[in-house]
C-alpha atoms as a PDB file:
ATOM      1  CA  UNK A   1     -11.005 -20.267  -6.016  1.00  0.00           C
ATOM      2  CA  UNK A   2      -8.567 -17.521  -6.243  1.00  0.00           C
ATOM      3  CA  UNK A   3     -10.087 -14.353  -6.748  1.00  0.00           C
ATOM      4  CA  UNK A   4      -6.687 -13.027  -8.335  1.00  0.00           C
ATOM      5  CA  UNK A   5      -4.084 -15.149  -9.932  1.00  0.00           C
ATOM      6  CA  UNK A   6      -0.555 -13.609 -11.138  1.00  0.00           C
ATOM      7  CA  UNK A   7       1.677 -15.763 -13.008  1.00  0.00           C
ATOM      8  CA  UNK A   8       5.004 -14.065 -14.339  1.00  0.00           C
ATOM      9  CA  UNK A   9       3.822 -10.613 -14.810  1.00  0.00           C
ATOM     10  CA  UNK A  10       6.233  -8.387 -16.199  1.00  0.00           C
ATOM     11  CA  UNK A  11       5.820  -4.445 -17.382  1.00  0.00           C
ATOM     12  CA  UNK A  12       8.600  -2.582 -19.060  1.00  0.00           C
ATOM     13  CA  UNK A  13       8.594   1.163 -20.255  1.00  0.00           C
ATOM     14  CA  UNK A  14      11.526   1.094 -22.782  1.00  0.00           C
ATOM     15  CA  UNK A  15      14.799   0.073 -20.630  1.00  0.00           C
ATOM     16  CA  UNK A  16      13.201   0.535 -17.359  1.00  0.00           C
ATOM     17  CA  UNK A  17      11.173  -2.489 -15.886  1.00  0.00           C
ATOM     18  CA  UNK A  18       8.557  -1.231 -13.853  1.00  0.00           C
ATOM     19  CA  UNK A  19       7.034  -5.187 -12.475  1.00  0.00           C
ATOM     20  CA  UNK A  20       9.752  -7.312 -13.033  1.00  0.00           C
ATOM     21  CA  UNK A  21       8.450 -11.165 -13.334  1.00  0.00           C
ATOM     22  CA  UNK A  22       5.990 -11.255  -9.984  1.00  0.00           C
ATOM     23  CA  UNK A  23       3.709 -13.860  -9.254  1.00  0.00           C
ATOM     24  CA  UNK A  24       1.095 -14.406  -6.258  1.00  0.00           C
ATOM     25  CA  UNK A  25      -2.416 -15.515  -5.909  1.00  0.00           C
ATOM     26  CA  UNK A  26      -5.172 -14.078  -3.835  1.00  0.00           C
ATOM     27  CA  UNK A  27      -7.855 -15.533  -2.041  1.00  0.00           C
ATOM     28  CA  UNK A  28     -11.666 -14.645  -2.343  1.00  0.00           C
ATOM     29  CA  UNK A  29     -12.818 -11.999   0.308  1.00  0.00           C
ATOM     30  CA  UNK A  30      -9.290 -11.541   1.163  1.00  0.00           C
ATOM     31  CA  UNK A  31      -8.039  -8.244   1.652  1.00  0.00           C
ATOM     32  CA  UNK A  32      -4.121  -8.288   0.140  1.00  0.00           C
ATOM     33  CA  UNK A  33      -1.882  -5.241   0.075  1.00  0.00           C
ATOM     34  CA  UNK A  34       1.174  -4.320  -2.072  1.00  0.00           C
ATOM     35  CA  UNK A  35       3.484  -2.622   0.298  1.00  0.00           C
ATOM     36  CA  UNK A  36       6.217  -0.450  -0.967  1.00  0.00           C
ATOM     37  CA  UNK A  37       7.695   2.824  -1.593  1.00  0.00           C
ATOM     38  CA  UNK A  38       6.940   5.161  -4.526  1.00  0.00           C
ATOM     39  CA  UNK A  39       8.139   4.007  -7.773  1.00  0.00           C
ATOM     40  CA  UNK A  40       7.726   0.169  -6.315  1.00  0.00           C
ATOM     41  CA  UNK A  41       5.772  -0.841  -9.380  1.00  0.00           C
ATOM     42  CA  UNK A  42       2.345  -0.955  -6.964  1.00  0.00           C
ATOM     43  CA  UNK A  43       0.161   1.234  -9.493  1.00  0.00           C
ATOM     44  CA  UNK A  44       1.722  -0.684 -12.786  1.00  0.00           C
ATOM     45  CA  UNK A  45       0.679  -3.934 -11.262  1.00  0.00           C
ATOM     46  CA  UNK A  46      -2.881  -2.582 -10.555  1.00  0.00           C
ATOM     47  CA  UNK A  47      -2.697  -0.837 -13.850  1.00  0.00           C
ATOM     48  CA  UNK A  48      -2.196  -4.429 -15.453  1.00  0.00           C
ATOM     49  CA  UNK A  49      -4.569  -6.660 -13.268  1.00  0.00           C
ATOM     50  CA  UNK A  50      -7.317  -3.884 -14.018  1.00  0.00           C
ATOM     51  CA  UNK A  51      -6.585  -3.766 -17.691  1.00  0.00           C
ATOM     52  CA  UNK A  52      -5.037  -0.320 -17.935  1.00  0.00           C
ATOM     53  CA  UNK A  53      -1.978  -1.443 -19.016  1.00  0.00           C
ATOM     54  CA  UNK A  54      -1.028  -4.365 -21.294  1.00  0.00           C
ATOM     55  CA  UNK A  55       1.778  -6.587 -19.654  1.00  0.00           C
ATOM     56  CA  UNK A  56       4.965  -7.103 -21.579  1.00  0.00           C
ATOM     57  CA  UNK A  57       4.932 -10.810 -20.547  1.00  0.00           C
ATOM     58  CA  UNK A  58       3.066 -13.110 -18.172  1.00  0.00           C
ATOM     59  CA  UNK A  59      -0.578 -12.761 -17.345  1.00  0.00           C
ATOM     60  CA  UNK A  60      -3.128 -12.990 -14.807  1.00  0.00           C
ATOM     61  CA  UNK A  61      -6.449 -13.859 -13.984  1.00  0.00           C
ATOM     62  CA  UNK A  62      -9.252 -12.041 -12.215  1.00  0.00           C
ATOM     63  CA  UNK A  63     -12.301 -13.578 -10.923  1.00  0.00           C
ATOM     64  CA  UNK A  64     -11.465 -16.578 -13.416  1.00  0.00           C
ATOM     65  CA  UNK A  65     -11.112 -14.333 -16.145  1.00  0.00           C
ATOM     66  CA  UNK A  66      -8.040 -13.368 -18.111  1.00  0.00           C
ATOM     67  CA  UNK A  67      -6.778 -10.097 -18.349  1.00  0.00           C
ATOM     68  CA  UNK A  68      -5.388 -10.664 -21.814  1.00  0.00           C
ATOM     69  CA  UNK A  69      -8.072 -12.916 -23.541  1.00  0.00           C
ATOM     70  CA  UNK A  70     -10.925 -10.893 -22.085  1.00  0.00           C
ATOM     71  CA  UNK A  71      -9.793  -7.480 -20.438  1.00  0.00           C
ATOM     72  CA  UNK A  72     -13.892  -6.478 -20.998  1.00  0.00           C
ATOM     73  CA  UNK A  73     -15.109  -9.275 -18.685  1.00  0.00           C
ATOM     74  CA  UNK A  74     -12.321  -8.527 -16.227  1.00  0.00           C
ATOM     75  CA  UNK A  75     -13.657  -4.442 -16.385  1.00  0.00           C
ATOM     76  CA  UNK A  76     -17.089  -5.596 -15.694  1.00  0.00           C
ATOM     77  CA  UNK A  77     -16.294  -7.967 -12.188  1.00  0.00           C
ATOM     78  CA  UNK A  78     -13.796  -4.976 -10.679  1.00  0.00           C
ATOM     79  CA  UNK A  79     -14.365  -1.797  -9.268  1.00  0.00           C
ATOM     80  CA  UNK A  80     -11.358   0.637  -9.315  1.00  0.00           C
ATOM     81  CA  UNK A  81     -10.542   3.912  -7.228  1.00  0.00           C
ATOM     82  CA  UNK A  82      -7.449   5.655  -8.628  1.00  0.00           C
ATOM     83  CA  UNK A  83      -4.628   7.299  -6.492  1.00  0.00           C
ATOM     84  CA  UNK A  84      -5.780  10.323  -8.181  1.00  0.00           C
ATOM     85  CA  UNK A  85      -9.454  11.901  -8.237  1.00  0.00           C
ATOM     86  CA  UNK A  86     -11.660  11.075 -11.330  1.00  0.00           C
ATOM     87  CA  UNK A  87     -14.737  12.528  -9.682  1.00  0.00           C
ATOM     88  CA  UNK A  88     -16.542  15.497 -11.770  1.00  0.00           C
ATOM     89  CA  UNK A  89     -16.544  18.427  -9.331  1.00  0.00           C
ATOM     90  CA  UNK A  90     -19.562  20.217 -10.836  1.00  0.00           C
ATOM     91  CA  UNK A  91     -21.931  17.181 -10.373  1.00  0.00           C
ATOM     92  CA  UNK A  92     -23.450  16.875  -6.943  1.00  0.00           C
ATOM     93  CA  UNK A  93     -22.283  13.147  -5.344  1.00  0.00           C
ATOM     94  CA  UNK A  94     -25.696  11.399  -6.538  1.00  0.00           C
ATOM     95  CA  UNK A  95     -25.349  12.672  -9.991  1.00  0.00           C
ATOM     96  CA  UNK A  96     -21.554  11.174 -10.150  1.00  0.00           C
ATOM     97  CA  UNK A  97     -23.014   7.991  -9.038  1.00  0.00           C
ATOM     98  CA  UNK A  98     -25.872   8.136 -11.482  1.00  0.00           C
ATOM     99  CA  UNK A  99     -23.430   8.795 -14.136  1.00  0.00           C
ATOM    100  CA  UNK A 100     -21.318   5.801 -13.769  1.00  0.00           C
ATOM    101  CA  UNK A 101     -24.361   3.376 -13.307  1.00  0.00           C
ATOM    102  CA  UNK A 102     -25.753   4.696 -16.468  1.00  0.00           C
ATOM    103  CA  UNK A 103     -21.841   4.199 -18.252  1.00  0.00           C
ATOM    104  CA  UNK A 104     -22.515   0.403 -16.705  1.00  0.00           C
ATOM    105  CA  UNK A 105     -26.175   0.321 -18.050  1.00  0.00           C
ATOM    106  CA  UNK A 106     -27.634  -0.762 -14.475  1.00  0.00           C
ATOM    107  CA  UNK A 107     -31.581  -0.325 -15.065  1.00  0.00           C
ATOM    108  CA  UNK A 108     -32.993   2.750 -13.237  1.00  0.00           C
ATOM    109  CA  UNK A 109     -35.246   0.827 -11.117  1.00  0.00           C
ATOM    110  CA  UNK A 110     -31.777  -1.550  -9.820  1.00  0.00           C
ATOM    111  CA  UNK A 111     -29.424   1.753  -9.931  1.00  0.00           C
ATOM    112  CA  UNK A 112     -31.596   4.735  -7.684  1.00  0.00           C
ATOM    113  CA  UNK A 113     -32.335   2.289  -4.493  1.00  0.00           C
ATOM    114  CA  UNK A 114     -28.392   1.115  -4.925  1.00  0.00           C
ATOM    115  CA  UNK A 115     -26.654   4.669  -4.616  1.00  0.00           C
ATOM    116  CA  UNK A 116     -29.273   5.461  -1.860  1.00  0.00           C
ATOM    117  CA  UNK A 117     -27.676   2.188  -0.173  1.00  0.00           C
ATOM    118  CA  UNK A 118     -24.030   2.641  -0.996  1.00  0.00           C
ATOM    119  CA  UNK A 119     -24.263   6.616   0.237  1.00  0.00           C
ATOM    120  CA  UNK A 120     -25.659   5.748   3.028  1.00  0.00           C
ATOM    121  CA  UNK A 121     -22.463   2.689   3.856  1.00  0.00           C
ATOM    122  CA  UNK A 122     -19.899   5.573   3.255  1.00  0.00           C
ATOM    123  CA  UNK A 123     -21.735   7.908   5.226  1.00  0.00           C
ATOM    124  CA  UNK A 124     -22.956  10.560   2.500  1.00  0.00           C
ATOM    125  CA  UNK A 125     -26.326  10.083   1.826  1.00  0.00           C
ATOM    126  CA  UNK A 126     -27.574  13.389   3.787  1.00  0.00           C
ATOM    127  CA  UNK A 127     -25.123  15.150   1.285  1.00  0.00           C
ATOM    128  CA  UNK A 128     -25.981  13.485  -1.815  1.00  0.00           C
ATOM    129  CA  UNK A 129     -27.331  16.651  -3.338  1.00  0.00           C
ATOM    130  CA  UNK A 130     -24.234  18.878  -2.664  1.00  0.00           C
ATOM    131  CA  UNK A 131     -21.777  19.641  -5.316  1.00  0.00           C
ATOM    132  CA  UNK A 132     -18.366  17.512  -5.096  1.00  0.00           C
ATOM    133  CA  UNK A 133     -15.993  20.684  -5.162  1.00  0.00           C
ATOM    134  CA  UNK A 134     -17.635  21.649  -1.970  1.00  0.00           C
ATOM    135  CA  UNK A 135     -16.267  17.915  -0.249  1.00  0.00           C
ATOM    136  CA  UNK A 136     -13.399  17.529   1.580  1.00  0.00           C
ATOM    137  CA  UNK A 137     -10.575  14.959   0.627  1.00  0.00           C
ATOM    138  CA  UNK A 138     -12.004  12.042   2.720  1.00  0.00           C
ATOM    139  CA  UNK A 139     -15.668  12.584   1.798  1.00  0.00           C
ATOM    140  CA  UNK A 140     -14.624  12.714  -2.083  1.00  0.00           C
ATOM    141  CA  UNK A 141     -12.219   9.375  -1.232  1.00  0.00           C
ATOM    142  CA  UNK A 142     -15.673   7.830   0.338  1.00  0.00           C
ATOM    143  CA  UNK A 143     -17.655   8.554  -2.861  1.00  0.00           C
ATOM    144  CA  UNK A 144     -14.999   7.320  -4.932  1.00  0.00           C
ATOM    145  CA  UNK A 145     -15.151   4.125  -3.339  1.00  0.00           C
ATOM    146  CA  UNK A 146     -19.158   3.953  -2.886  1.00  0.00           C
ATOM    147  CA  UNK A 147     -19.158   4.701  -7.177  1.00  0.00           C
ATOM    148  CA  UNK A 148     -16.575   1.825  -7.635  1.00  0.00           C
ATOM    149  CA  UNK A 149     -19.212  -0.558  -6.242  1.00  0.00           C
ATOM    150  CA  UNK A 150     -22.261   0.686  -8.042  1.00  0.00           C
ATOM    151  CA  UNK A 151     -22.152  -2.411 -10.224  1.00  0.00           C
ATOM    152  CA  UNK A 152     -21.299  -4.735  -7.740  1.00  0.00           C
ATOM    153  CA  UNK A 153     -17.720  -5.718  -8.201  1.00  0.00           C
ATOM    154  CA  UNK A 154     -16.342  -9.273  -7.185  1.00  0.00           C
ATOM    155  CA  UNK A 155     -12.814  -7.269  -6.622  1.00  0.00           C
ATOM    156  CA  UNK A 156     -12.311  -3.866  -5.591  1.00  0.00           C
ATOM    157  CA  UNK A 157      -8.761  -1.962  -6.598  1.00  0.00           C
ATOM    158  CA  UNK A 158      -7.632   0.750  -4.141  1.00  0.00           C
ATOM    159  CA  UNK A 159      -4.699   2.599  -5.511  1.00  0.00           C
ATOM    160  CA  UNK A 160      -3.331   4.481  -2.261  1.00  0.00           C
ATOM    161  CA  UNK A 161      -6.899   4.843  -1.005  1.00  0.00           C
ATOM    162  CA  UNK A 162      -5.660   7.091   2.150  1.00  0.00           C
ATOM    163  CA  UNK A 163      -3.129   9.506   0.396  1.00  0.00           C
ATOM    164  CA  UNK A 164      -2.863  13.027   1.496  1.00  0.00           C
ATOM    165  CA  UNK A 165      -5.629  12.601   4.435  1.00  0.00           C
ATOM    166  CA  UNK A 166      -5.057  13.541   7.741  1.00  0.00           C
ATOM    167  CA  UNK A 167      -4.708  10.773  10.103  1.00  0.00           C
ATOM    168  CA  UNK A 168      -8.421  10.685  11.755  1.00  0.00           C
ATOM    169  CA  UNK A 169      -9.781  10.891   8.062  1.00  0.00           C
ATOM    170  CA  UNK A 170      -7.437   7.760   7.384  1.00  0.00           C
ATOM    171  CA  UNK A 171      -8.891   6.303  10.238  1.00  0.00           C
ATOM    172  CA  UNK A 172     -12.634   6.372   9.571  1.00  0.00           C
ATOM    173  CA  UNK A 173     -11.953   5.309   5.829  1.00  0.00           C
ATOM    174  CA  UNK A 174     -10.302   2.205   7.275  1.00  0.00           C
ATOM    175  CA  UNK A 175     -13.330   1.575   8.679  1.00  0.00           C
ATOM    176  CA  UNK A 176     -15.361   1.787   6.006  1.00  0.00           C
ATOM    177  CA  UNK A 177     -13.043  -0.821   3.826  1.00  0.00           C
ATOM    178  CA  UNK A 178     -12.903  -3.152   6.696  1.00  0.00           C
ATOM    179  CA  UNK A 179     -16.994  -2.551   6.669  1.00  0.00           C
ATOM    180  CA  UNK A 180     -16.880  -3.600   2.750  1.00  0.00           C
ATOM    181  CA  UNK A 181     -14.632  -6.755   3.497  1.00  0.00           C
ATOM    182  CA  UNK A 182     -16.560  -8.019   6.301  1.00  0.00           C
ATOM    183  CA  UNK A 183     -20.171  -7.108   4.978  1.00  0.00           C
ATOM    184  CA  UNK A 184     -19.978  -7.061   1.508  1.00  0.00           C
ATOM    185  CA  UNK A 185     -17.637  -9.720   1.075  1.00  0.00           C
ATOM    186  CA  UNK A 186     -15.723  -7.911  -1.216  1.00  0.00           C
ATOM    187  CA  UNK A 187     -12.068  -9.085  -2.308  1.00  0.00           C
ATOM    188  CA  UNK A 188      -9.991  -6.280  -1.767  1.00  0.00           C
ATOM    189  CA  UNK A 189      -6.515  -4.933  -3.262  1.00  0.00           C
ATOM    190  CA  UNK A 190      -4.807  -2.102  -2.091  1.00  0.00           C
ATOM    191  CA  UNK A 191      -1.657  -0.155  -2.872  1.00  0.00           C
ATOM    192  CA  UNK A 192       0.097   1.472   0.162  1.00  0.00           C
ATOM    193  CA  UNK A 193       3.389   2.597   1.395  1.00  0.00           C
ATOM    194  CA  UNK A 194       1.961   3.442   5.043  1.00  0.00           C
ATOM    195  CA  UNK A 195       2.864   0.434   7.367  1.00  0.00           C
ATOM    196  CA  UNK A 196      -0.050   1.116   9.778  1.00  0.00           C
ATOM    197  CA  UNK A 197      -2.324   0.650   7.051  1.00  0.00           C
ATOM    198  CA  UNK A 198      -1.009  -2.319   5.887  1.00  0.00           C
ATOM    199  CA  UNK A 199      -1.142  -4.017   9.530  1.00  0.00           C
ATOM    200  CA  UNK A 200      -4.949  -2.373  10.171  1.00  0.00           C
ATOM    201  CA  UNK A 201      -6.378  -3.796   6.813  1.00  0.00           C
ATOM    202  CA  UNK A 202      -4.541  -6.883   5.218  1.00  0.00           C
ATOM    203  CA  UNK A 203      -4.995  -9.933   5.876  1.00  0.00           C
ATOM    204  CA  UNK A 204      -1.731 -10.632   3.884  1.00  0.00           C
ATOM    205  CA  UNK A 205       1.226  -8.387   2.628  1.00  0.00           C
ATOM    206  CA  UNK A 206       3.384  -8.703  -0.464  1.00  0.00           C
ATOM    207  CA  UNK A 207       6.248  -5.953  -0.014  1.00  0.00           C
ATOM    208  CA  UNK A 208       7.309  -5.155  -3.528  1.00  0.00           C
ATOM    209  CA  UNK A 209      10.644  -2.820  -4.246  1.00  0.00           C
ATOM    210  CA  UNK A 210      12.134  -2.138  -7.521  1.00  0.00           C
ATOM    211  CA  UNK A 211       9.294  -3.889  -9.390  1.00  0.00           C
ATOM    212  CA  UNK A 212       9.920  -7.555  -7.686  1.00  0.00           C
ATOM    213  CA  UNK A 213       8.143  -8.720  -4.692  1.00  0.00           C
ATOM    214  CA  UNK A 214      10.585  -9.465  -1.888  1.00  0.00           C
ATOM    215  CA  UNK A 215       8.695 -10.960   0.946  1.00  0.00           C
ATOM    216  CA  UNK A 216       4.849 -12.359   1.385  1.00  0.00           C
ATOM    217  CA  UNK A 217       2.511 -13.375   4.219  1.00  0.00           C
ATOM    218  CA  UNK A 218       0.448 -11.630   7.159  1.00  0.00           C
ATOM    219  CA  UNK A 219       2.272  -8.755   8.800  1.00  0.00           C
ATOM    220  CA  UNK A 220       2.586 -10.593  11.739  1.00  0.00           C
ATOM    221  CA  UNK A 221       4.147 -13.683  10.123  1.00  0.00           C
ATOM    222  CA  UNK A 222       6.663 -11.242   8.245  1.00  0.00           C
ATOM    223  CA  UNK A 223       7.644  -9.819  11.568  1.00  0.00           C
ATOM    224  CA  UNK A 224       8.100 -12.905  13.663  1.00  0.00           C
ATOM    225  CA  UNK A 225      10.674 -13.663  10.688  1.00  0.00           C
ATOM    226  CA  UNK A 226      13.166 -10.837  12.214  1.00  0.00           C
ATOM    227  CA  UNK A 227      12.159 -11.414  15.724  1.00  0.00           C
ATOM    228  CA  UNK A 228      13.345 -10.413  18.978  1.00  0.00           C
ATOM    229  CA  UNK A 229      13.142  -6.648  19.909  1.00  0.00           C
ATOM    230  CA  UNK A 230      14.579  -3.787  18.203  1.00  0.00           C
ATOM    231  CA  UNK A 231      16.788  -0.759  19.369  1.00  0.00           C
ATOM    232  CA  UNK A 232      17.181   2.557  17.115  1.00  0.00           C
ATOM    233  CA  UNK A 233      20.034   5.103  18.384  1.00  0.00           C
ATOM    234  CA  UNK A 234      20.568   8.188  17.154  1.00  0.00           C
ATOM    235  CA  UNK A 235      24.234   9.148  17.190  1.00  0.00           C
ATOM    236  CA  UNK A 236      26.445  11.434  16.499  1.00  0.00           C
ATOM    237  CA  UNK A 237      28.805   8.838  14.869  1.00  0.00           C
ATOM    238  CA  UNK A 238      26.374   6.397  13.335  1.00  0.00           C
ATOM    239  CA  UNK A 239      29.498   4.489  11.487  1.00  0.00           C
ATOM    240  CA  UNK A 240      31.673   4.043  14.323  1.00  0.00           C
ATOM    241  CA  UNK A 241      29.013   3.078  16.812  1.00  0.00           C
ATOM    242  CA  UNK A 242      27.570   0.315  14.473  1.00  0.00           C
ATOM    243  CA  UNK A 243      31.374  -0.835  14.172  1.00  0.00           C
ATOM    244  CA  UNK A 244      31.606  -1.235  18.130  1.00  0.00           C
ATOM    245  CA  UNK A 245      28.205  -3.332  18.729  1.00  0.00           C
ATOM    246  CA  UNK A 246      29.577  -6.665  18.676  1.00  0.00           C
ATOM    247  CA  UNK A 247      28.446  -9.143  21.407  1.00  0.00           C
ATOM    248  CA  UNK A 248      26.875 -12.740  21.488  1.00  0.00           C
ATOM    249  CA  UNK A 249      23.104 -11.063  22.290  1.00  0.00           C
ATOM    250  CA  UNK A 250      23.436  -9.098  19.555  1.00  0.00           C
ATOM    251  CA  UNK A 251      21.811 -10.550  16.366  1.00  0.00           C
ATOM    252  CA  UNK A 252      22.061  -8.049  13.908  1.00  0.00           C
ATOM    253  CA  UNK A 253      23.180  -4.113  13.421  1.00  0.00           C
ATOM    254  CA  UNK A 254      22.320  -1.782  10.455  1.00  0.00           C
ATOM    255  CA  UNK A 255      22.977   1.336   9.523  1.00  0.00           C
ATOM    256  CA  UNK A 256      20.425   3.696   7.585  1.00  0.00           C
ATOM    257  CA  UNK A 257      19.164   7.160   7.431  1.00  0.00           C
ATOM    258  CA  UNK A 258      21.107   8.715   9.731  1.00  0.00           C
ATOM    259  CA  UNK A 259      20.240   5.286  12.708  1.00  0.00           C
ATOM    260  CA  UNK A 260      21.378   2.631  14.105  1.00  0.00           C
ATOM    261  CA  UNK A 261      19.492  -0.128  14.265  1.00  0.00           C
ATOM    262  CA  UNK A 262      19.805  -3.338  16.550  1.00  0.00           C
ATOM    263  CA  UNK A 263      18.084  -6.709  16.632  1.00  0.00           C
ATOM    264  CA  UNK A 264      18.251  -8.506  19.561  1.00  0.00           C
ATOM    265  CA  UNK A 265      16.729 -10.290  22.304  1.00  0.00           C
ATOM    266  CA  UNK A 266      15.366  -8.903  25.815  1.00  0.00           C
ATOM    267  CA  UNK A 267      16.309  -5.381  24.908  1.00  0.00           C
ATOM    268  CA  UNK A 268      15.231  -3.668  28.403  1.00  0.00           C
ATOM    269  CA  UNK A 269      18.023  -6.094  29.825  1.00  0.00           C
ATOM    270  CA  UNK A 270      20.482  -5.213  27.168  1.00  0.00           C
ATOM    271  CA  UNK A 271      20.040  -1.544  26.255  1.00  0.00           C
ATOM    272  CA  UNK A 272      21.879  -0.022  29.194  1.00  0.00           C
ATOM    273  CA  UNK A 273      25.098  -2.256  27.484  1.00  0.00           C
ATOM    274  CA  UNK A 274      24.792  -0.506  24.370  1.00  0.00           C
ATOM    275  CA  UNK A 275      24.707   2.996  26.373  1.00  0.00           C
ATOM    276  CA  UNK A 276      28.048   1.806  28.083  1.00  0.00           C
ATOM    277  CA  UNK A 277      29.502   0.660  24.973  1.00  0.00           C
ATOM    278  CA  UNK A 278      28.814   4.575  23.270  1.00  0.00           C
ATOM    279  CA  UNK A 279      29.906   6.098  26.826  1.00  0.00           C
ATOM    280  CA  UNK A 280      33.253   4.284  26.593  1.00  0.00           C
ATOM    281  CA  UNK A 281      33.870   5.264  22.792  1.00  0.00           C
ATOM    282  CA  UNK A 282      32.848   8.950  23.862  1.00  0.00           C
ATOM    283  CA  UNK A 283      29.883   8.857  21.525  1.00  0.00           C
ATOM    284  CA  UNK A 284      27.045  10.727  22.019  1.00  0.00           C
ATOM    285  CA  UNK A 285      23.293   9.245  22.151  1.00  0.00           C
ATOM    286  CA  UNK A 286      20.745  11.762  20.727  1.00  0.00           C
ATOM    287  CA  UNK A 287      17.945   9.355  20.994  1.00  0.00           C
ATOM    288  CA  UNK A 288      16.998   5.426  21.732  1.00  0.00           C
ATOM    289  CA  UNK A 289      13.994   3.653  21.291  1.00  0.00           C
ATOM    290  CA  UNK A 290      12.734   0.038  22.095  1.00  0.00           C
ATOM    291  CA  UNK A 291      10.017  -1.421  20.049  1.00  0.00           C
ATOM    292  CA  UNK A 292       8.759  -4.990  18.525  1.00  0.00           C
ATOM    293  CA  UNK A 293       9.651  -5.408  14.883  1.00  0.00           C
ATOM    294  CA  UNK A 294       7.648  -3.655  12.450  1.00  0.00           C
ATOM    295  CA  UNK A 295       6.915  -3.891   8.824  1.00  0.00           C
ATOM    296  CA  UNK A 296       9.301  -0.902   8.595  1.00  0.00           C
ATOM    297  CA  UNK A 297      12.107  -3.185   9.809  1.00  0.00           C
ATOM    298  CA  UNK A 298      10.810  -5.946   7.540  1.00  0.00           C
ATOM    299  CA  UNK A 299      11.599  -3.540   4.382  1.00  0.00           C
ATOM    300  CA  UNK A 300      14.719  -3.071   6.105  1.00  0.00           C
ATOM    301  CA  UNK A 301      15.747  -6.583   6.554  1.00  0.00           C
ATOM    302  CA  UNK A 302      14.922  -7.165   3.119  1.00  0.00           C
ATOM    303  CA  UNK A 303      16.388  -4.176   1.381  1.00  0.00           C
ATOM    304  CA  UNK A 304      19.164  -2.874   3.710  1.00  0.00           C
ATOM    305  CA  UNK A 305      17.161   0.319   3.046  1.00  0.00           C
ATOM    306  CA  UNK A 306      13.756   2.041   4.970  1.00  0.00           C
ATOM    307  CA  UNK A 307      11.027   3.054   2.673  1.00  0.00           C
ATOM    308  CA  UNK A 308      11.726   6.800   3.341  1.00  0.00           C
ATOM    309  CA  UNK A 309      15.408   6.184   2.217  1.00  0.00           C
ATOM    310  CA  UNK A 310      13.809   4.307  -1.033  1.00  0.00           C
ATOM    311  CA  UNK A 311      11.463   7.135  -1.995  1.00  0.00           C
ATOM    312  CA  UNK A 312      14.054   9.669  -1.058  1.00  0.00           C
ATOM    313  CA  UNK A 313      16.541   8.024  -3.570  1.00  0.00           C
ATOM    314  CA  UNK A 314      13.567   7.731  -6.116  1.00  0.00           C
ATOM    315  CA  UNK A 315      12.458  11.348  -6.087  1.00  0.00           C
ATOM    316  CA  UNK A 316      16.125  12.125  -6.585  1.00  0.00           C
ATOM    317  CA  UNK A 317      16.513   9.936  -9.605  1.00  0.00           C
ATOM    318  CA  UNK A 318      13.446  11.400 -10.886  1.00  0.00           C
ATOM    319  CA  UNK A 319      14.847  14.877 -11.013  1.00  0.00           C
ATOM    320  CA  UNK A 320      18.131  13.863 -12.592  1.00  0.00           C
ATOM    321  CA  UNK A 321      15.856  12.597 -15.206  1.00  0.00           C
ATOM    322  CA  UNK A 322      14.176  15.602 -15.592  1.00  0.00           C
ATOM    323  CA  UNK A 323      17.121  17.572 -15.765  1.00  0.00           C
ATOM    324  CA  UNK A 324      18.810  15.344 -18.390  1.00  0.00           C
ATOM    325  CA  UNK A 325      15.851  15.559 -20.557  1.00  0.00           C
ATOM    326  CA  UNK A 326      15.704  19.458 -20.020  1.00  0.00           C
ATOM    327  CA  UNK A 327      19.513  19.806 -21.391  1.00  0.00           C
END
């Protein structure tokens, strides 16, 4: 049985299509990632699956319950951690948990031991009586995850779970998420624009861009589609270098974000050939690196842009809309 089944799901806001006719299925017990830049439609998709937003068209089932026919049934079977914090900062960790349990009408004799168990699970049992406004960002995130699990959901939605956290805290939170999945068997669907997060946590990844799913598979299989090695070059004239890089051993050359990316086999053997081409054309190389394909390379392969470039264009578009609105 699928934990989640999405069929032709679409969401429009006036003339803007935030989610464009997407379909996918998630197995029970799977960690599934929606990977893409800000504004790609990730949060909108989660909002429809959790019944916060109603689809313009299409439908989905969560734990066998249709999001349109029985939204209350869906809500009872899911937990959700929003991108923006939703804790009450003036309450203690325990009080936040207890209030949530009361909203779900969990009996006291069940609620109290469950709160203790979950606070221990996320390493906050010794801070249960501390007011939340004294907590760090990572502690608040862990508390939100614990709160989302209090009513024993079958599916947990995590919207950008490590956004804004430092690398060490992110790594710790990843361990908690993996533990939840392995120990509790909870199906987890998360959104992220961090490549390493998708690599570390997800059994499968759907790459989403401008509301459409452009690729979906395991992280390794997505990278295997590109194959070979990748050489990334910073040059004083990336346009000219791109035009001069033509050889039988080169699969593909792409220019993006001020860099030239070369896809090829046996990069160690051919990197000197690339340097020689640049020297012959009197082009300066500021930096050069060799690596195996990453999810960033996968996104670039399917869209012609990096996620950083896409986020920058999205932010600029938002600024233009704001300027037009002010006028």
